[in-house]
Every structure is written in structure tokens, then in C-alpha cells.
Protein backbone atom coordinates (compact mmCIF):
# COMPACT_ATOMS: atom_id res chain seq x y z
CA MET A 1 -16.19 -4.42 -10.67
CA TYR A 2 -14.10 -1.36 -11.58
CA THR A 3 -13.71 -0.01 -15.10
CA PHE A 4 -10.94 2.39 -16.19
CA THR A 5 -10.23 3.95 -19.56
CA GLY A 6 -6.81 4.47 -21.08
CA VAL A 7 -5.03 4.71 -24.38
CA SER A 8 -4.60 1.68 -26.64
CA ALA A 9 -0.89 1.07 -27.23
CA SER A 10 -1.23 -2.36 -28.82
CA ALA A 11 -4.48 -3.64 -30.22
CA GLY A 12 -6.09 -6.76 -28.78
CA ILE A 13 -8.01 -8.14 -25.85
CA ALA A 14 -6.99 -10.37 -22.95
CA ILE A 15 -8.62 -11.93 -19.87
CA GLY A 16 -6.66 -13.28 -16.96
CA PRO A 17 -5.11 -12.82 -13.51
CA VAL A 18 -3.11 -9.67 -12.80
CA GLU A 19 0.52 -9.52 -11.61
CA GLN A 20 1.95 -6.23 -10.56
CA ILE A 21 5.54 -5.08 -11.17
CA ASP A 22 6.18 -2.89 -8.12
CA HIS A 23 9.34 -0.85 -8.12
CA GLY A 24 8.80 -0.05 -4.49
CA THR A 25 10.14 2.83 -2.48
CA ALA A 26 13.87 3.25 -2.15
CA GLY A 27 15.77 5.08 0.53
CA LEU A 28 14.46 3.47 3.72
CA HIS A 29 16.86 2.97 6.67
CA ARG A 30 19.88 4.35 4.83
CA ILE A 31 23.04 5.01 6.79
CA VAL A 32 25.50 7.39 5.10
CA CYS A 33 29.15 6.59 5.58
CA ASP A 34 32.16 8.80 4.87
CA PRO A 35 32.53 10.01 1.25
CA PHE A 36 35.43 7.63 0.49
CA ARG A 37 33.41 4.60 1.53
CA GLU A 38 30.26 5.88 -0.23
CA ARG A 39 32.26 6.30 -3.48
CA ALA A 40 33.76 2.85 -3.14
CA LEU A 41 30.30 1.33 -2.57
CA TYR A 42 29.01 3.19 -5.63
CA ASP A 43 31.85 1.96 -7.82
CA VAL A 44 31.18 -1.63 -6.76
CA ALA A 45 27.44 -1.22 -7.40
CA VAL A 46 28.15 0.04 -10.90
CA VAL A 47 30.37 -3.01 -11.65
CA LEU A 48 27.58 -5.34 -10.45
CA ALA A 49 24.92 -3.42 -12.41
CA LYS A 50 26.95 -3.54 -15.63
CA ASP A 51 27.54 -7.29 -15.15
CA GLU A 52 23.77 -7.86 -14.75
CA LEU A 53 23.06 -5.74 -17.87
CA ARG A 54 25.67 -7.61 -19.94
CA ARG A 55 24.05 -10.94 -18.98
CA LEU A 56 20.65 -9.62 -19.99
CA SER A 57 22.01 -8.29 -23.29
CA GLN A 58 23.28 -11.73 -24.20
CA ARG A 59 19.70 -12.99 -24.36
CA ALA A 60 18.22 -9.81 -25.86
CA LYS A 61 17.90 -9.07 -29.54
CA GLY A 62 17.47 -6.01 -31.76
CA PRO A 63 16.11 -2.91 -29.98
CA ASP A 64 16.10 -4.70 -26.61
CA ALA A 65 19.83 -5.25 -26.80
CA ASP A 66 20.39 -1.64 -27.91
CA ILE A 67 18.55 -0.38 -24.81
CA LEU A 68 20.72 -2.50 -22.52
CA LEU A 69 23.88 -1.28 -24.24
CA PHE A 70 22.65 2.30 -23.80
CA GLN A 71 22.25 1.69 -20.09
CA ILE A 72 25.77 0.30 -19.81
CA ALA A 73 27.11 3.31 -21.73
CA LEU A 74 25.30 5.68 -19.35
CA LEU A 75 27.04 4.10 -16.35
CA GLU A 76 30.31 4.70 -18.11
CA ASP A 77 29.48 8.29 -19.14
CA GLU A 78 31.91 10.75 -17.69
CA SER A 79 29.36 13.57 -17.07
CA PHE A 80 26.99 11.10 -15.36
CA THR A 81 29.76 9.70 -13.16
CA ASN A 82 31.12 13.15 -12.28
CA GLU A 83 27.68 14.36 -11.28
CA ILE A 84 27.34 11.48 -8.85
CA GLY A 85 30.94 11.82 -7.61
CA ASP A 86 30.60 15.50 -6.85
CA TYR A 87 27.41 14.91 -4.83
CA ILE A 88 29.02 12.12 -2.84
CA ALA A 89 32.09 14.32 -2.16
CA ALA A 90 29.71 16.98 -0.78
CA GLY A 91 28.54 14.48 1.84
CA ALA A 92 25.59 12.67 0.17
CA GLY A 93 25.16 8.92 0.22
CA GLY A 94 25.86 6.97 -2.96
CA ALA A 95 22.17 5.98 -3.41
CA ALA A 96 20.97 9.54 -2.92
CA ALA A 97 23.59 10.76 -5.38
CA VAL A 98 22.35 8.30 -8.03
CA GLU A 99 18.76 9.35 -7.46
CA ARG A 100 19.72 13.01 -7.88
CA ALA A 101 21.59 12.20 -11.13
CA GLU A 102 18.50 10.28 -12.31
CA GLN A 103 16.34 13.33 -11.81
CA ILE A 104 18.81 15.55 -13.66
CA PHE A 105 19.44 13.30 -16.68
CA ALA A 106 15.88 12.02 -17.02
CA GLY A 107 14.61 15.58 -16.64
CA ARG A 108 16.76 16.73 -19.55
CA LEU A 109 15.17 14.09 -21.77
CA ASN A 110 11.69 14.92 -20.53
CA ASN A 111 12.14 18.53 -21.67
CA VAL A 112 12.79 17.48 -25.29
CA ASP A 113 9.95 18.23 -27.71
CA ASP A 114 10.10 14.81 -29.40
CA GLU A 115 7.88 12.33 -27.59
CA TYR A 116 10.03 9.34 -28.51
CA ILE A 117 13.14 11.00 -26.98
CA ARG A 118 11.14 11.93 -23.90
CA GLU A 119 10.19 8.29 -23.41
CA ARG A 120 13.86 7.30 -23.34
CA SER A 121 13.96 8.94 -19.91
CA VAL A 122 12.66 5.67 -18.58
CA ASP A 123 15.94 3.99 -19.62
CA VAL A 124 17.76 6.40 -17.32
CA CYS A 125 15.35 5.63 -14.48
CA ASP A 126 15.76 1.91 -15.10
CA VAL A 127 19.48 1.80 -14.89
CA CYS A 128 19.64 4.21 -11.95
CA ARG A 129 17.07 2.13 -10.02
CA ARG A 130 19.24 -0.94 -10.65
CA VAL A 131 22.24 0.76 -9.04
CA VAL A 132 20.19 2.17 -6.17
CA ASP A 133 18.71 -1.28 -5.43
CA ILE A 134 22.22 -2.69 -5.21
CA LEU A 135 23.35 0.10 -2.86
CA ASP A 136 20.21 -0.32 -0.71
CA GLY A 137 20.58 -4.07 -0.62
CA ARG A 138 17.10 -4.54 -2.14
CA PRO A 139 16.51 -8.02 -3.63
CA ARG A 140 16.58 -8.07 -7.42
CA ARG A 141 14.70 -11.35 -7.96
CA ARG A 142 13.45 -12.15 -11.45
CA LEU A 143 9.66 -12.23 -11.67
CA HIS A 144 8.54 -15.76 -12.37
CA LEU A 145 5.07 -16.00 -13.81
CA LYS A 146 3.49 -19.30 -12.84
CA ARG A 147 0.54 -18.81 -15.13
CA PRO A 148 -0.28 -16.52 -18.09
CA SER A 149 -1.04 -13.15 -16.62
CA ILE A 150 -1.71 -9.49 -17.38
CA LEU A 151 1.18 -7.38 -16.12
CA VAL A 152 0.49 -4.00 -14.56
CA ALA A 153 2.85 -1.29 -13.35
CA ASP A 154 2.94 2.38 -12.59
CA ARG A 155 5.48 2.57 -15.34
CA PHE A 156 7.32 -0.29 -17.06
CA PHE A 157 11.10 -0.27 -17.08
CA PRO A 158 12.73 -2.08 -20.02
CA SER A 159 14.45 -4.59 -17.71
CA ASP A 160 11.05 -5.54 -16.20
CA LEU A 161 10.23 -7.34 -19.42
CA PHE A 162 13.57 -8.62 -20.78
CA SER A 163 13.81 -11.64 -18.48
CA LEU A 164 10.22 -12.82 -18.71
CA ASP A 165 8.87 -15.69 -20.74
CA ARG A 166 6.82 -13.60 -23.14
CA ARG A 167 4.45 -16.52 -23.81
CA MET A 168 3.21 -15.97 -20.26
CA ILE A 169 2.33 -12.29 -20.81
CA LEU A 170 -1.35 -11.89 -21.75
CA GLY A 171 -1.22 -8.08 -21.78
CA LEU A 172 0.32 -4.97 -20.36
CA ALA A 173 -1.43 -2.16 -18.48
CA SER A 174 0.40 0.93 -17.30
CA ASN A 175 -0.62 3.95 -15.26
CA GLN A 176 1.81 6.37 -16.96
CA ASP A 177 3.54 4.90 -20.07
CA SER A 178 2.85 6.41 -23.47
CA THR A 179 2.29 4.75 -26.86
CA VAL A 180 5.97 5.21 -27.72
CA SER A 181 7.36 3.78 -24.48
CA HIS A 182 9.49 0.68 -24.62
CA ALA A 183 6.69 -1.45 -23.16
CA ALA A 184 4.26 -0.25 -25.82
CA ILE A 185 6.74 -0.82 -28.62
CA MET A 186 7.54 -4.34 -27.38
CA ALA A 187 3.83 -5.15 -27.00
CA ARG A 188 3.12 -4.20 -30.61
CA SER A 189 6.09 -6.18 -31.92
CA LEU A 190 4.92 -9.32 -30.08
CA GLY A 191 1.19 -8.87 -30.66
CA ILE A 192 0.47 -8.42 -26.95
CA PRO A 193 -2.56 -6.18 -26.06
CA ALA A 194 -1.49 -3.07 -24.10
CA ILE A 195 -3.17 -0.09 -22.46
CA VAL A 196 -1.30 2.94 -21.17
CA GLN A 197 -2.16 6.16 -19.24
CA LEU A 198 -4.73 4.50 -16.99
CA GLY A 199 -4.04 6.94 -14.19
CA ASP A 200 -2.46 6.80 -10.73
CA GLY A 201 -3.37 3.88 -8.50
CA VAL A 202 -4.93 1.54 -11.10
CA ALA A 203 -1.99 -0.95 -11.16
CA ALA A 204 -2.01 -1.33 -7.35
CA LEU A 205 -5.82 -1.71 -7.30
CA ALA A 206 -5.69 -4.50 -9.98
CA ALA A 207 -2.89 -6.53 -8.38
CA GLY A 208 -4.00 -10.03 -7.45
CA HIS A 209 -7.40 -9.74 -9.14
CA ARG A 210 -8.83 -10.90 -12.49
CA ALA A 211 -9.17 -8.36 -15.28
CA ILE A 212 -10.21 -7.76 -18.84
CA LEU A 213 -7.80 -5.69 -20.91
CA ASP A 214 -9.57 -4.48 -24.05
CA ALA A 215 -7.41 -2.45 -26.38
CA SER A 216 -9.28 -3.53 -29.51
CA ASP A 217 -10.80 -0.09 -30.02
CA PRO A 218 -8.14 2.62 -30.28
CA ASN A 219 -10.70 5.22 -29.18
CA ALA A 220 -12.15 3.35 -26.20
CA ALA A 221 -9.53 1.20 -24.48
CA THR A 222 -10.83 -0.20 -21.16
CA PHE A 223 -9.38 -2.08 -18.18
CA VAL A 224 -12.02 -3.91 -16.12
CA ILE A 225 -11.02 -5.25 -12.71
CA GLU A 226 -13.06 -8.18 -11.36
CA PRO A 227 -15.46 -8.27 -14.32
CA ASP A 228 -18.86 -9.92 -14.03
CA GLY A 229 -19.97 -12.88 -16.08
CA ALA A 230 -21.58 -10.79 -18.80
CA HIS A 231 -18.39 -8.81 -19.38
CA VAL A 232 -16.29 -12.03 -19.45
CA ALA A 233 -18.61 -13.64 -21.98
CA GLN A 234 -18.52 -10.55 -24.18
CA ALA A 235 -14.71 -10.44 -24.02
CA ASP A 236 -14.50 -14.17 -24.83
CA CYS A 237 -16.58 -13.51 -27.90
CA LYS A 238 -14.26 -10.72 -29.05
CA ILE A 239 -11.28 -13.01 -28.62
CA ALA A 240 -13.02 -15.76 -30.57
CA GLU A 241 -13.93 -13.35 -33.36
CA SER A 242 -10.27 -12.19 -33.66
CA ARG A 243 -9.11 -15.80 -33.87
CA LEU A 244 -11.61 -16.46 -36.66
CA HIS A 245 -9.64 -13.86 -38.63
CA GLY A 246 -6.33 -15.71 -38.55
CA ARG A 247 -4.89 -15.31 -35.06
CA THR A 248 -3.32 -18.11 -33.03
CA PRO A 249 -5.71 -21.07 -32.41
CA ASP A 250 -7.21 -21.22 -28.93
CA PRO A 251 -5.87 -24.30 -27.07
CA VAL A 252 -9.36 -24.76 -25.59
CA ALA A 253 -10.51 -25.93 -29.04
CA ALA A 254 -8.44 -29.10 -28.65
CA LEU A 255 -9.83 -30.02 -25.23
CA PRO A 256 -12.66 -32.52 -24.86
CA CYS A 257 -16.12 -31.17 -24.33
CA LEU A 258 -16.57 -32.16 -20.73
CA THR A 259 -18.03 -30.36 -17.72
CA LYS A 260 -16.18 -30.31 -14.39
CA ASP A 261 -17.93 -33.48 -13.30
CA GLY A 262 -17.15 -35.27 -16.59
CA THR A 263 -20.48 -34.88 -18.35
CA ALA A 264 -20.02 -34.81 -22.13
CA PHE A 265 -21.58 -32.22 -24.36
CA ARG A 266 -21.34 -31.47 -28.07
CA LEU A 267 -20.92 -28.24 -30.01
CA LEU A 268 -22.05 -27.69 -33.58
CA ALA A 269 -21.62 -24.64 -35.79
CA ALA A 270 -24.37 -22.59 -37.41
CA THR A 271 -23.68 -21.02 -40.80
CA ASN A 272 -25.42 -19.24 -43.63
CA SER A 273 -23.30 -20.51 -46.47
CA THR A 274 -24.33 -23.13 -48.98
CA SER A 275 -21.53 -22.24 -51.37
CA ALA A 276 -18.49 -24.40 -52.02
CA PRO A 277 -16.53 -25.37 -48.89
CA ASP A 278 -14.40 -22.66 -47.37
CA GLU A 279 -13.79 -23.42 -43.70
CA LEU A 280 -16.47 -26.01 -43.17
CA LEU A 281 -15.90 -26.58 -39.42
CA PRO A 282 -14.75 -23.67 -37.25
CA GLN A 283 -12.55 -24.34 -34.26
CA GLY A 284 -14.28 -26.56 -31.70
CA ALA A 285 -17.24 -27.63 -33.86
CA ALA A 286 -18.13 -31.33 -34.30
CA GLY A 287 -20.39 -30.63 -37.22
CA ILE A 288 -22.82 -28.16 -38.79
CA GLY A 289 -25.90 -28.01 -36.62
CA LEU A 290 -27.80 -25.50 -38.80
CA LEU A 291 -26.99 -24.61 -42.39
CA ARG A 292 -29.40 -21.90 -43.53
CA SER A 293 -30.31 -22.16 -47.23
CA GLU A 294 -32.31 -19.13 -48.27
CA SER A 295 -29.50 -18.07 -50.63
CA VAL A 296 -30.25 -20.91 -53.02
CA ILE A 297 -33.58 -19.27 -53.72
CA LEU A 298 -32.25 -15.71 -54.00
CA ASP A 299 -29.50 -16.89 -56.39
CA ASP A 300 -32.00 -18.75 -58.57
CA LEU A 301 -29.97 -21.95 -58.20
CA PRO A 302 -31.43 -24.88 -60.16
CA GLU A 303 -31.58 -28.35 -58.73
CA GLU A 304 -28.31 -29.49 -60.31
CA SER A 305 -26.34 -26.57 -58.89
CA GLN A 306 -27.82 -27.08 -55.42
CA PHE A 307 -27.03 -30.81 -55.61
CA ALA A 308 -23.41 -30.17 -56.68
CA ARG A 309 -22.85 -27.74 -53.80
CA LEU A 310 -24.40 -30.03 -51.21
CA ARG A 311 -22.45 -33.04 -52.48
CA GLU A 312 -19.18 -31.12 -52.29
CA LYS A 313 -19.87 -29.97 -48.78
CA LEU A 314 -20.80 -33.46 -47.63
CA GLU A 315 -17.81 -35.09 -49.25
CA SER A 316 -15.41 -32.60 -47.69
CA SER A 317 -16.94 -32.84 -44.24
CA ASP A 318 -15.05 -36.04 -43.39
CA GLY A 319 -18.17 -37.64 -41.98
CA ALA A 320 -19.24 -34.69 -39.82
CA MET A 321 -22.97 -34.02 -39.59
CA ILE A 322 -24.56 -31.29 -41.69
CA ALA A 323 -28.07 -30.28 -40.86
CA VAL A 324 -29.76 -28.13 -43.56
CA ARG A 325 -32.70 -25.94 -42.63
CA THR A 326 -35.00 -25.72 -45.64
CA CYS A 327 -36.06 -22.36 -46.98
CA ASP A 328 -38.41 -20.58 -44.64
CA THR A 329 -41.20 -19.02 -46.64
CA HIS A 330 -43.10 -17.93 -43.53
CA ALA A 331 -40.23 -16.01 -41.98
CA ASP A 332 -41.29 -12.79 -40.30
CA ASP A 333 -37.96 -11.59 -38.92
CA ASP A 334 -37.63 -8.71 -41.36
CA SER A 335 -34.77 -10.37 -43.19
CA PRO A 336 -34.17 -8.60 -46.54
CA TRP A 337 -34.72 -11.80 -48.50
CA THR A 338 -38.13 -12.68 -46.99
CA ALA A 339 -40.48 -10.80 -49.28
CA GLU A 340 -38.57 -11.76 -52.40
CA MET A 341 -38.40 -15.42 -51.48
CA THR A 342 -42.09 -15.57 -50.67
CA LYS A 343 -42.88 -14.01 -54.04
CA ARG A 344 -40.70 -16.47 -55.93
CA LEU A 345 -42.10 -19.52 -54.17
CA GLN A 346 -45.64 -18.25 -54.73
CA GLY A 347 -46.84 -19.51 -51.40
CA HIS A 348 -45.42 -23.04 -51.65
CA ARG A 349 -44.38 -24.39 -48.27
CA LEU A 350 -41.22 -25.88 -49.75
CA PHE A 351 -39.25 -25.27 -52.85
CA TRP A 352 -39.13 -28.56 -54.75
CA PRO A 353 -35.74 -28.22 -56.42
CA GLN A 354 -34.18 -27.80 -53.00
CA ILE A 355 -35.86 -30.94 -51.67
CA LYS A 356 -34.80 -32.91 -54.73
CA ALA A 357 -31.21 -31.70 -54.34
CA LEU A 358 -31.21 -32.70 -50.64
CA LEU A 359 -32.60 -36.17 -51.46
CA ARG A 360 -29.95 -36.73 -54.09
CA ALA A 361 -27.09 -35.48 -51.94
CA ALA A 362 -27.97 -37.53 -48.84
CA PRO A 363 -25.89 -40.63 -49.71
CA TYR A 364 -22.67 -38.58 -49.82
CA GLY A 365 -22.46 -37.79 -46.09
CA ASP A 366 -24.26 -37.38 -42.78
CA LEU A 367 -27.02 -35.12 -43.98
CA ARG A 368 -30.05 -34.09 -41.89
CA VAL A 369 -32.95 -31.99 -43.13
CA LEU A 370 -34.89 -29.63 -40.81
CA PHE A 371 -38.22 -27.98 -41.54
CA PRO A 372 -38.88 -24.60 -39.86
CA MET A 373 -42.17 -22.97 -38.86
CA ILE A 374 -44.03 -26.19 -38.03
CA ALA A 375 -47.05 -25.23 -35.92
CA GLY A 376 -48.27 -28.82 -35.46
CA VAL A 377 -48.82 -32.24 -36.99
CA GLU A 378 -50.78 -30.83 -40.02
CA ASP A 379 -47.85 -28.70 -41.11
CA TRP A 380 -45.46 -31.55 -40.55
CA GLU A 381 -47.42 -34.02 -42.61
CA ALA A 382 -47.74 -31.43 -45.42
CA CYS A 383 -43.93 -31.24 -45.51
CA LEU A 384 -43.56 -34.98 -45.68
CA GLN A 385 -46.11 -35.15 -48.48
CA GLU A 386 -44.05 -32.74 -50.55
CA VAL A 387 -40.96 -34.86 -49.88
CA GLU A 388 -42.78 -37.91 -51.24
CA THR A 389 -43.91 -35.91 -54.27
CA CYS A 390 -40.26 -34.98 -54.95
CA ARG A 391 -39.16 -38.62 -54.48
CA ASP A 392 -41.77 -39.75 -57.00
CA GLU A 393 -40.53 -37.24 -59.61
CA LEU A 394 -36.92 -38.37 -59.02
CA ARG A 395 -37.87 -42.02 -59.49
CA ILE A 396 -39.60 -41.11 -62.79
CA ASP A 397 -36.36 -39.52 -63.90
CA GLY A 398 -34.48 -42.72 -62.85
CA LYS A 399 -32.89 -41.10 -59.78
CA ASP A 400 -33.66 -43.34 -56.83
CA THR A 401 -32.95 -41.84 -53.39
CA THR A 402 -32.40 -42.85 -49.80
CA PRO A 403 -34.10 -40.22 -47.67
CA PRO A 404 -31.98 -38.59 -44.91
CA PRO A 405 -33.32 -38.15 -41.38
CA PHE A 406 -35.97 -35.42 -41.29
CA GLY A 407 -36.60 -33.20 -38.31
CA VAL A 408 -38.45 -30.20 -37.01
CA ILE A 409 -37.14 -26.76 -36.07
CA VAL A 410 -39.02 -26.02 -32.83
CA ASP A 411 -39.37 -22.30 -33.15
CA MET A 412 -42.98 -21.89 -32.00
CA PRO A 413 -44.54 -22.74 -28.61
CA SER A 414 -47.12 -25.01 -30.29
CA ALA A 415 -44.34 -27.19 -31.76
CA ALA A 416 -42.78 -27.53 -28.29
CA LEU A 417 -46.05 -28.52 -26.69
CA LEU A 418 -46.85 -31.00 -29.48
CA ALA A 419 -43.33 -32.51 -29.62
CA GLY A 420 -44.61 -35.98 -28.76
CA GLU A 421 -47.15 -35.95 -31.55
CA LEU A 422 -44.59 -34.77 -34.05
CA ILE A 423 -42.29 -37.61 -33.11
CA GLU A 424 -45.13 -40.12 -33.43
CA HIS A 425 -45.76 -38.82 -36.95
CA GLY A 426 -42.16 -39.35 -38.05
CA ALA A 427 -40.00 -36.46 -36.78
CA GLN A 428 -36.55 -38.04 -36.30
CA MET A 429 -34.96 -35.09 -34.52
CA LEU A 430 -36.10 -31.89 -32.83
CA VAL A 431 -33.96 -28.77 -33.00
CA ILE A 432 -35.05 -25.98 -30.70
CA ASP A 433 -34.34 -22.51 -32.12
CA ILE A 434 -34.00 -20.89 -28.69
CA GLU A 435 -34.00 -17.33 -29.95
CA ASP A 436 -37.08 -17.72 -32.13
CA LEU A 437 -38.87 -19.73 -29.48
CA THR A 438 -38.21 -16.89 -27.01
CA ARG A 439 -39.48 -14.32 -29.51
CA TYR A 440 -42.72 -16.12 -30.18
CA THR A 441 -43.32 -17.13 -26.54
CA LEU A 442 -42.75 -13.61 -25.14
CA GLY A 443 -44.35 -11.73 -28.03
CA LEU A 444 -41.20 -9.86 -28.93
CA GLY A 445 -41.99 -9.60 -32.65
CA SER A 446 -38.89 -9.24 -34.85
CA ASP A 447 -36.63 -7.80 -32.12
CA SER A 448 -33.92 -10.47 -32.02
CA THR A 449 -31.78 -8.39 -29.66
CA ALA A 450 -34.50 -8.42 -27.04
CA ALA A 451 -34.91 -12.17 -27.48
CA ALA A 452 -31.19 -12.88 -27.10
CA SER A 453 -31.18 -11.30 -23.63
CA ARG A 454 -34.21 -13.31 -22.45
CA VAL A 455 -33.60 -16.84 -23.72
CA ASP A 456 -33.46 -18.09 -20.12
CA ASN A 457 -37.03 -16.88 -19.41
CA PRO A 458 -38.85 -19.43 -17.15
CA ALA A 459 -41.64 -19.93 -19.71
CA VAL A 460 -39.10 -20.75 -22.41
CA GLN A 461 -37.28 -23.09 -20.07
CA ARG A 462 -40.53 -24.91 -19.36
CA LEU A 463 -41.17 -25.35 -23.11
CA VAL A 464 -37.63 -26.70 -23.63
CA LYS A 465 -38.11 -29.13 -20.74
CA GLU A 466 -41.37 -30.31 -22.34
CA VAL A 467 -39.54 -31.08 -25.58
CA LEU A 468 -36.75 -32.98 -23.74
CA GLN A 469 -39.27 -35.05 -21.75
CA GLN A 470 -41.28 -35.96 -24.85
CA ALA A 471 -38.17 -36.94 -26.81
CA GLN A 472 -36.37 -38.78 -24.02
CA GLY A 473 -38.56 -41.86 -23.97
CA ARG A 474 -38.70 -42.09 -27.74
CA GLY A 475 -35.00 -42.06 -28.51
CA VAL A 476 -35.17 -38.87 -30.59
CA GLU A 477 -32.27 -36.40 -30.60
CA VAL A 478 -32.86 -32.85 -29.32
CA TYR A 479 -30.48 -29.95 -29.51
CA LEU A 480 -30.46 -26.18 -29.23
CA CYS A 481 -29.77 -23.80 -32.13
CA GLY A 482 -30.20 -20.02 -32.54
CA ILE A 483 -27.39 -19.37 -30.03
CA THR A 484 -25.62 -16.07 -30.69
CA ILE A 485 -22.84 -14.07 -29.09
CA GLU A 486 -25.36 -12.02 -27.17
CA SER A 487 -27.06 -15.02 -25.56
CA ILE A 488 -24.23 -17.45 -24.65
CA SER A 489 -23.97 -16.34 -21.00
CA LEU A 490 -27.59 -17.57 -20.49
CA ILE A 491 -27.17 -20.95 -22.21
CA PRO A 492 -25.69 -23.02 -19.32
CA VAL A 493 -29.16 -23.18 -17.75
CA TYR A 494 -30.15 -25.51 -20.62
CA LEU A 495 -27.17 -27.77 -19.97
CA ARG A 496 -28.52 -28.15 -16.46
CA LEU A 497 -31.99 -28.88 -17.87
CA GLY A 498 -30.57 -31.78 -19.87
CA VAL A 499 -29.55 -30.41 -23.30
CA ARG A 500 -26.24 -31.93 -24.37
CA THR A 501 -25.80 -30.55 -27.93
CA PHE A 502 -25.69 -26.90 -28.92
CA SER A 503 -25.49 -25.31 -32.41
CA VAL A 504 -23.72 -21.95 -32.12
CA GLU A 505 -22.59 -19.18 -34.43
CA PRO A 506 -18.85 -19.59 -35.00
CA ALA A 507 -17.64 -16.60 -32.98
CA ALA A 508 -19.48 -17.88 -29.89
CA LEU A 509 -18.27 -21.52 -30.06
CA LEU A 510 -15.22 -21.36 -27.85
CA PRO A 511 -16.63 -18.84 -25.34
CA LEU A 512 -19.63 -21.14 -24.86
CA LYS A 513 -17.32 -24.14 -24.53
CA LYS A 514 -15.48 -22.44 -21.72
CA LEU A 515 -18.68 -21.65 -19.93
CA LEU A 516 -19.97 -25.22 -20.18
CA MET A 517 -16.67 -26.73 -19.15
CA ASN A 518 -16.96 -24.78 -15.86
CA GLU A 519 -20.33 -26.36 -15.06
CA ASP A 520 -20.70 -29.08 -12.42
CA LEU A 521 -23.77 -31.25 -12.86
CA SER A 522 -22.96 -33.84 -10.18
CA SER A 523 -25.64 -32.58 -7.79
CA LEU A 524 -28.45 -32.43 -10.40
CA THR A 525 -31.24 -35.04 -10.66
CA GLU A 526 -32.35 -36.52 -13.93
CA LEU A 527 -35.40 -35.22 -15.77
């Protein structure tokens, strides 16, 4: 893996194979004829070059067309033509004469104080290289991209990009170009990520490899050649986050959730919002696997308001599952709401208005209710008793209910080890909070960052396997939640263990989907 820094010319991030635009070395095996023949060959080359430029200009628009017209005008410029003619008359070959004129005219532009004018020197180089290639008999084949790719070059010429299908360009990376070069301007107009000034040799080194082009930070643009899995996962997350803010939908979202061998899996979203529906299901989510609900306590929402919000969410979900985690009064993760919520609930394990609202909203959609911080059967039965108390009060008020499925958030090792007993006492689903389970198993306290990087710890894996084995013979659903951007690269191990449903924060949904789609489970044995 090689990492290079450059200058961000167009913000964005891209991952993909690298194709190099190599302008090669001109001047090999030239044979100089007499001046009359050299001048005649030059005149023919100019006619052919102008014809090629006119054909390109017919497909170009706006500034692109103007650049091509400028190149045609240069070939017709008297001073440019005389400079070349005089050098040919002195005994130089036509190609060498054009190269000399290129140095002179491009050099004049390079000496101008204005950076934008200096960058126009590349137009002189572009048109002169076209004429030289014709004189040298070099093939001028159009680059055909067979797959979306990151293009690299020592320096991009305008004509390098005119004839390409721009939908196939993932990004541009240049050794020398500046932020006002034609390539940079074009990249910004099309929303293509671009990095310039990477330094000599980077384009050649990257050719044929896979790379991450990250121009999202104007102060720290990077180009990573042959990135490792962690870098790819991090880049995927950045791409997903940008798409969550209105960019083009990722086509992967529309693909079925299948591994390479055809094993199906399911992705759910995790969210904090219990407010009115905004974007209920992010791209790629089949439902809400974890809806945190502490805000209803902090906002002092009465039962009726909570019921109205839940009903609206369920009715707008179009049948998708919504699993609500009840308020966690025993939370110890240093969340700013923890102390306030504990004070308001005065030690109650559950907040009754929330339970009543959940019971009343259940008939309006596929609602599940999950209880966190269950150490064992005693805690679980206490939760169910409070549910029954709430049901009794609703009946007294003439509000009969049909209870939704109730389940346990497996966030402590004891709950994982006692999964079978919890099921026998009525738990209808087990949702493993992989980050919290890692924290409590490894004694990491409230450091969620440390937990995210260790969710594949062997001890945690063994606890998850225990839950899966206990639930398998009893027909109880098990899935993972607590999956964040930082932890997604470690999650495929649980697919191989037998987990088939994952609840993920929205920005990590599609990156995790791509990882799981690349898994092949055909050689694995059943639990």
C-alpha cells in the first residue's frame, strides 16, 4: 500500500481500478528528409490534426468547444506557422520543429503571472503533441474504458478527456496539473473527485492497480494505491455519508442482499429519531432494527404524543419492521441524557407512558419492542410484569391492546449465556448489541471507540455463537445491532458464524452490504 498527498481540485472520494493516460515519448527512430518534403509532411499533418479537432468540437460544448477552437486557431496562427517553417528550412525535421515551437509558445504562457493563463500552456502542448504524433506515425486510438475507473496522468491534456464517456470516470489524479487546469475545471463541473500535484512518478506507479482517491478534505487530499481492507471500508463509509446528503443513489442499494454463493442476508437501519417520519428507511434498509427512544423522556412527551408519533411512523413504514428499544435507565455510556433520565424515572425500570404508547401503536404496523440491560430471567420477568400492569391500566380506560413481540437486547455476557432461559420465559427475539457486548465482556468501560475496533474478539464471538445455538432450536430470531462505521470491517465474521440480519447505522449500510456480498459461505459447515 502506497499513500501520496496532493491538492484537492474537486471535492469527493472514489474507489476503483486505475487507468493511465500515457502520452509516451516522441521522437524515436525519426528520419529527417529534405526541407521541402518535411514542410509538405507538416502541412498534411496540420490538415489531419485540424480535421480531428473539428470532429471533436462537434461533440463538445461550452468551454470544451472553446478550447478546441483555440487549438485550431493556433495551427492557423501565422507566427506559429512561421516559427515552424523557419526551423524546417534550417534543416530540422517537421516533428522536431513542432516540438521547438511548443516549447517557445508554451513557455511564453508559463511566464505570465496569472495562474489561469499559465495553465493554458497545456492547450499548446496538447495540439502540438497531436501534430507530432501524426508526423511520427504514432497511433491515436481513443481510450475505451471498459469499466468505471480512476484516470491518472503526468498531466492531462484537454483532448484526453473530450472523447471519454464521463460516466465511466470515477476520478482524476495528476502528477503536475493545478487547480485551474482544464482537467480540474472539468472535474468540478461534473462533480468528479480530482487530486493534482501528486508528484513525479505517481501516475505510472498507480497504473493497473486499485486505488482510493480522497479529495474530500481540501487540506489533506490523499491517493492510496492498493489500499488494505480497513482503508477501503473507511472510504466506503465516506461515500455512503456523502450520498446520505443528497448525492446520486448507489446502484448497490438496488441489488439483492446475497453473498457470492447465494446466501441471503438482511440489513436494517438503526436510528435515534422518534419524531415524525423524515426519511424512514435509508438506502438499502429493509426496516428499522433499532429505534432508540430516550428522547421521549427528555422531551417530557406524554403518552398521547408518543402514541401519535409511533402510529405515524408505523403507518408510513409500508409494512417494514420497526423495533423500538425502550428507555435505558441503567445506561452507563456517559450519554448526556443518562443522569437526567434516571432522575426523572426515579429508578423505575421502565417508563409506563412509553409502554402504554407502544402497546396502543402495535396494531398499526410491524412493531417490535426490545428491553435493554437484561442481566437474566429476573430482570426479564420484571419487565413483563410492568407490561402487564400497563395493559391492565389501558383496559380500565377502555383501551384494549394486542401486545407486539417482545425481545431482549443482549448487551451483557450474562444475557448471552442465559439466552435459552430468556427464550423459555417468553423472549420472542434476541438482538445482540455487538458494541456493548464487547465493552462489557472486555471491561472497556464507556470507551465505545475501543469496543468498535474489537468486536471480533474471540470471547465475544463465543458469546454470539452461544446465543445463536440457544435460539436456533427454538425458532427465535437473532440479529446484530450496535454496528457502526468504525466496526463494519470486522462484521463479516458474524455472517460466517450464522448471523443473517444486521442492524446498522445509516452511513454504514451500503459499505457493509458490499463487504457481505463478497463473502462466500459455500465451504462453511452449519452450527
